[in-house]
Protein backbone atom coordinates (compact mmCIF):
# COMPACT_ATOMS: atom_id res chain seq x y z
CA UNK A 1 9.04 112.81 76.09
CA UNK A 2 5.90 111.21 76.31
CA UNK A 3 6.05 108.79 72.31
CA UNK A 4 9.43 108.47 74.06
CA UNK A 5 8.22 106.95 77.17
CA UNK A 6 5.19 105.10 75.24
CA UNK A 7 7.54 103.48 72.26
CA UNK A 8 9.73 102.37 75.15
CA UNK A 9 7.31 101.00 76.75
CA UNK A 10 5.73 98.60 73.85
CA UNK A 11 9.25 97.09 73.66
CA UNK A 12 8.98 96.05 77.30
CA UNK A 13 5.54 94.13 76.86
CA UNK A 14 6.87 92.76 73.13
CA UNK A 15 10.21 91.78 74.51
CA UNK A 16 8.29 90.13 77.26
CA UNK A 17 6.32 87.89 74.99
CA UNK A 18 9.05 86.84 73.49
CA UNK A 19 10.46 85.55 76.63
CA UNK A 20 8.41 84.08 77.94
CA UNK A 21 7.79 82.13 74.22
CA UNK A 22 11.39 81.83 74.59
CA UNK A 23 11.29 80.76 78.48
CA UNK A 24 8.51 77.82 77.47
CA UNK A 25 10.22 77.23 74.49
CA UNK A 26 8.02 77.50 72.35
CA UNK A 27 9.40 77.97 68.71
CA UNK A 28 7.95 81.63 67.62
CA UNK A 29 11.60 82.43 67.21
CA UNK A 30 11.63 86.42 66.83
CA UNK A 31 8.53 86.38 65.35
CA UNK A 32 6.63 88.88 68.24
CA UNK A 33 9.41 91.62 67.38
CA UNK A 34 9.29 90.96 63.60
CA UNK A 35 5.36 91.40 63.94
CA UNK A 36 5.80 94.04 65.80
CA UNK A 37 8.07 96.04 64.43
CA UNK A 38 6.55 94.91 60.86
CA UNK A 39 3.34 96.64 62.28
CA UNK A 40 4.82 99.66 63.81
CA UNK A 41 5.80 100.33 60.66
CA UNK A 42 2.60 99.91 58.17
CA UNK A 43 0.35 101.13 61.13
CA UNK A 44 2.98 104.59 61.38
CA UNK A 45 2.10 104.42 56.74
CA UNK A 46 -0.94 104.52 56.99
CA UNK A 47 -2.04 106.80 59.75
CA UNK A 48 -0.07 109.57 57.51
CA UNK A 49 -1.53 107.62 53.93
CA UNK A 50 -4.93 108.19 56.41
CA UNK A 51 -3.94 111.70 56.90
CA UNK A 52 -4.37 112.67 53.30
CA UNK A 53 -7.17 110.63 52.25
CA UNK A 54 -9.69 112.03 54.64
CA UNK A 55 -8.61 115.36 53.67
CA UNK A 56 -10.00 114.01 49.85
CA UNK A 57 -13.30 112.24 49.96
CA UNK A 58 -12.56 111.11 46.40
CA UNK A 59 -9.39 108.84 47.54
CA UNK A 60 -11.50 106.54 50.11
CA UNK A 61 -12.51 104.35 46.75
CA UNK A 62 -8.86 103.72 45.43
CA UNK A 63 -8.03 103.10 48.82
CA UNK A 64 -11.03 100.60 49.45
CA UNK A 65 -9.87 98.41 46.15
CA UNK A 66 -6.08 99.02 47.58
CA UNK A 67 -7.70 96.91 51.00
CA UNK A 68 -9.36 94.27 48.48
CA UNK A 69 -6.75 93.28 46.31
CA UNK A 70 -4.23 93.18 49.35
CA UNK A 71 -6.99 90.50 51.54
CA UNK A 72 -7.61 88.97 47.80
CA UNK A 73 -4.18 88.33 47.40
CA UNK A 74 -3.27 87.20 50.91
CA UNK A 75 -6.43 84.97 51.45
CA UNK A 76 -5.47 82.83 47.48
CA UNK A 77 -1.84 82.81 48.60
CA UNK A 78 -3.06 80.37 51.85
CA UNK A 79 -5.36 78.69 49.95
CA UNK A 80 -3.52 78.03 46.50
CA UNK A 81 -3.52 74.19 47.67
CA UNK A 82 -7.35 74.95 46.27
CA UNK A 83 -7.53 74.60 41.99
CA UNK A 84 -7.42 78.09 41.39
CA UNK A 85 -7.56 79.24 45.02
CA UNK A 86 -6.33 82.44 44.24
CA UNK A 87 -9.21 83.14 41.92
CA UNK A 88 -12.35 81.53 44.26
CA UNK A 89 -10.08 84.06 47.57
CA UNK A 90 -10.70 87.03 46.03
CA UNK A 91 -14.59 85.89 44.52
CA UNK A 92 -15.30 84.89 47.76
CA UNK A 93 -13.47 88.71 49.48
CA UNK A 94 -15.05 90.99 47.34
CA UNK A 95 -18.42 88.87 47.83
CA UNK A 96 -18.70 88.86 51.41
CA UNK A 97 -17.61 91.99 52.29
CA UNK A 98 -19.47 94.52 49.03
CA UNK A 99 -22.83 92.82 50.44
CA UNK A 100 -22.38 94.18 53.86
CA UNK A 101 -20.64 97.63 52.81
CA UNK A 102 -24.36 98.26 50.63
CA UNK A 103 -26.24 96.80 52.94
CA UNK A 104 -24.27 98.73 56.14
CA UNK A 105 -24.61 102.47 53.41
CA UNK A 106 -27.50 101.80 52.06
CA UNK A 107 -29.49 101.34 55.37
CA UNK A 108 -27.79 103.82 56.07
CA UNK A 109 -26.55 101.66 59.81
CA UNK A 110 -23.89 103.81 59.50
CA UNK A 111 -22.72 107.44 57.84
CA UNK A 112 -21.75 107.20 54.59
CA UNK A 113 -18.79 109.44 55.55
CA UNK A 114 -15.25 109.32 54.72
CA UNK A 115 -14.17 108.04 57.70
CA UNK A 116 -16.40 105.84 58.37
CA UNK A 117 -16.30 104.22 55.04
CA UNK A 118 -12.51 103.56 55.52
CA UNK A 119 -12.71 101.91 59.46
CA UNK A 120 -16.04 99.97 58.04
CA UNK A 121 -14.30 98.32 55.00
CA UNK A 122 -11.43 97.89 56.92
CA UNK A 123 -12.92 95.94 59.31
CA UNK A 124 -15.23 94.22 57.15
CA UNK A 125 -12.33 93.07 54.28
CA UNK A 126 -10.39 92.21 57.73
CA UNK A 127 -12.85 89.73 58.16
CA UNK A 128 -13.60 88.40 54.68
CA UNK A 129 -9.56 87.47 53.56
CA UNK A 130 -9.63 85.68 57.36
CA UNK A 131 -13.28 83.20 56.17
CA UNK A 132 -11.51 83.29 52.75
CA UNK A 133 -8.79 80.88 54.57
CA UNK A 134 -10.51 80.08 57.37
CA UNK A 135 -13.26 78.29 55.30
CA UNK A 136 -10.76 77.27 52.64
CA UNK A 137 -7.79 75.54 55.28
CA UNK A 138 -10.57 73.97 56.86
CA UNK A 139 -12.54 72.73 53.40
CA UNK A 140 -8.43 71.05 52.44
CA UNK A 141 -7.78 69.10 55.73
CA UNK A 142 -11.88 67.83 54.94
CA UNK A 143 -10.72 66.71 52.09
CA UNK A 144 -7.73 64.68 52.86
CA UNK A 145 -9.52 63.55 55.82
CA UNK A 146 -12.28 62.38 53.77
CA UNK A 147 -10.90 61.11 50.51
CA UNK A 148 -12.49 57.73 50.13
CA UNK A 149 -16.21 59.16 51.13
CA UNK A 150 -15.57 61.66 48.79
CA UNK A 151 -14.23 59.20 46.21
CA UNK A 152 -17.11 56.74 46.61
CA UNK A 153 -19.51 59.27 46.26
CA UNK A 154 -18.12 59.98 42.29
CA UNK A 155 -17.76 56.26 41.18
CA UNK A 156 -21.69 56.48 42.11
CA UNK A 157 -21.76 59.66 39.79
CA UNK A 158 -22.47 62.16 42.00
CA UNK A 159 -20.81 65.38 40.82
CA UNK A 160 -18.04 67.13 42.15
CA UNK A 161 -21.06 70.00 43.66
CA UNK A 162 -22.63 67.21 44.70
CA UNK A 163 -19.56 64.83 46.55
CA UNK A 164 -17.96 67.98 48.13
CA UNK A 165 -21.07 69.44 49.46
CA UNK A 166 -21.45 68.20 52.67
CA UNK A 167 -17.63 68.99 53.33
CA UNK A 168 -17.94 72.62 51.48
CA UNK A 169 -20.83 73.77 54.37
CA UNK A 170 -19.52 71.92 57.55
CA UNK A 171 -15.73 74.00 56.19
CA UNK A 172 -18.04 77.26 56.21
CA UNK A 173 -19.60 76.43 60.19
CA UNK A 174 -16.40 76.37 61.89
CA UNK A 175 -14.85 79.30 59.93
CA UNK A 176 -17.71 81.17 61.55
CA UNK A 177 -17.91 79.54 65.14
CA UNK A 178 -15.18 81.48 66.62
CA UNK A 179 -16.93 85.11 65.18
CA UNK A 180 -20.35 83.82 66.66
CA UNK A 181 -18.67 82.41 69.76
CA UNK A 182 -16.81 86.23 69.95
CA UNK A 183 -20.65 88.42 69.29
CA UNK A 184 -22.32 86.18 71.65
CA UNK A 185 -19.96 86.71 74.88
CA UNK A 186 -19.33 90.16 73.24
CA UNK A 187 -20.24 92.86 76.62
CA UNK A 188 -19.78 89.59 78.56
CA UNK A 189 -16.22 88.47 78.00
CA UNK A 190 -15.14 90.98 75.64
CA UNK A 191 -15.10 94.59 74.70
CA UNK A 192 -14.78 94.69 71.19
CA UNK A 193 -12.14 96.95 69.91
CA UNK A 194 -14.60 99.07 67.63
CA UNK A 195 -16.64 99.87 70.78
CA UNK A 196 -13.48 100.71 72.56
CA UNK A 197 -12.60 102.94 69.84
CA UNK A 198 -15.08 104.90 69.48
CA UNK A 199 -14.80 105.75 73.45
CA UNK A 200 -11.09 107.06 72.71
CA UNK A 201 -12.42 109.08 69.78
CA UNK A 202 -15.25 110.96 72.93
CA UNK A 203 -18.45 109.38 71.66
CA UNK A 204 -21.09 108.31 73.87
CA UNK A 205 -21.62 104.46 74.93
CA UNK A 206 -24.47 104.23 73.68
CA UNK A 207 -23.74 105.32 69.92
CA UNK A 208 -20.42 103.49 70.55
CA UNK A 209 -22.08 100.25 71.26
CA UNK A 210 -24.40 101.10 68.50
CA UNK A 211 -21.60 100.80 66.03
CA UNK A 212 -20.23 98.02 67.42
CA UNK A 213 -23.58 96.44 67.13
CA UNK A 214 -23.63 96.98 63.34
CA UNK A 215 -20.21 96.07 63.12
CA UNK A 216 -20.99 92.50 64.40
CA UNK A 217 -23.49 92.14 62.49
CA UNK A 218 -22.17 92.87 59.18
CA UNK A 219 -18.90 90.48 59.94
CA UNK A 220 -20.75 88.23 60.31
CA UNK A 221 -22.83 88.41 56.87
CA UNK A 222 -19.54 89.20 55.79
CA UNK A 223 -17.27 85.85 56.28
CA UNK A 224 -20.76 83.59 56.03
CA UNK A 225 -21.29 84.95 52.28
CA UNK A 226 -17.49 84.84 51.90
CA UNK A 227 -17.15 81.04 53.48
CA UNK A 228 -20.57 80.17 51.23
CA UNK A 229 -18.50 81.77 48.29
CA UNK A 230 -14.73 80.03 48.32
CA UNK A 231 -16.60 76.20 49.67
CA UNK A 232 -19.10 75.94 46.86
CA UNK A 233 -16.45 76.92 44.58
CA UNK A 234 -13.87 75.56 45.59
CA UNK A 235 -15.84 71.95 45.33
CA UNK A 236 -16.85 72.67 41.96
CA UNK A 237 -13.66 70.43 41.00
CA UNK A 238 -13.04 66.91 40.69
CA UNK A 239 -9.48 67.36 41.99
CA UNK A 240 -9.40 69.37 45.67
CA UNK A 241 -8.62 65.75 46.83
CA UNK A 242 -5.92 64.93 44.68
CA UNK A 243 -4.77 67.99 45.14
CA UNK A 244 -4.68 68.29 48.60
CA UNK A 245 -2.43 64.99 48.88
């Protein structure tokens, strides 16, 4: 009975979102409902899978590989306008996630336990995917807007990397700003998911805060590394401007 009431409550919230979009004439279609239904199915499946993964620690590595593959494929599709964008997304996501995960667990900021590995890896990889998407799309947008500038640099003998240098740096910065703003306002404006989740798990507020701080630091490093890799690789191609048309 508890789960039935919970499910009905979730449906009411989702339908309210759908109705509000319709009343405001925001063209979302059935997306609020279908997105939530998909999330329910996916999270139910993941919950079942994780029960097995956490019971057999060696399968954690396989689960992380699946997350990395999915994140790389998704980000690659979002920046396919860039020549070899899918490859750049894979390299960027792997680089950003690997650097952060190695540092976090090597420095013992989080215990090397199966459940912590899955939790931190999921957060880190998800943000690496976002960074690859945002930085790549920002790069294409700015390359299109500054086409004349890029072509002028190339005509003067600059390499593609030199011609796209400033564009790449700005694209990486723009990709990181929302995350850094959220980090600055943590505790005052927002209570992040990792902190709230740890509290719900029964740990003390101090331990929850420690975990959240590790997550915030890791997200910043992950996103910056991923954005730098994606934009630097994208900037080496002399065909970015033509691809952006």
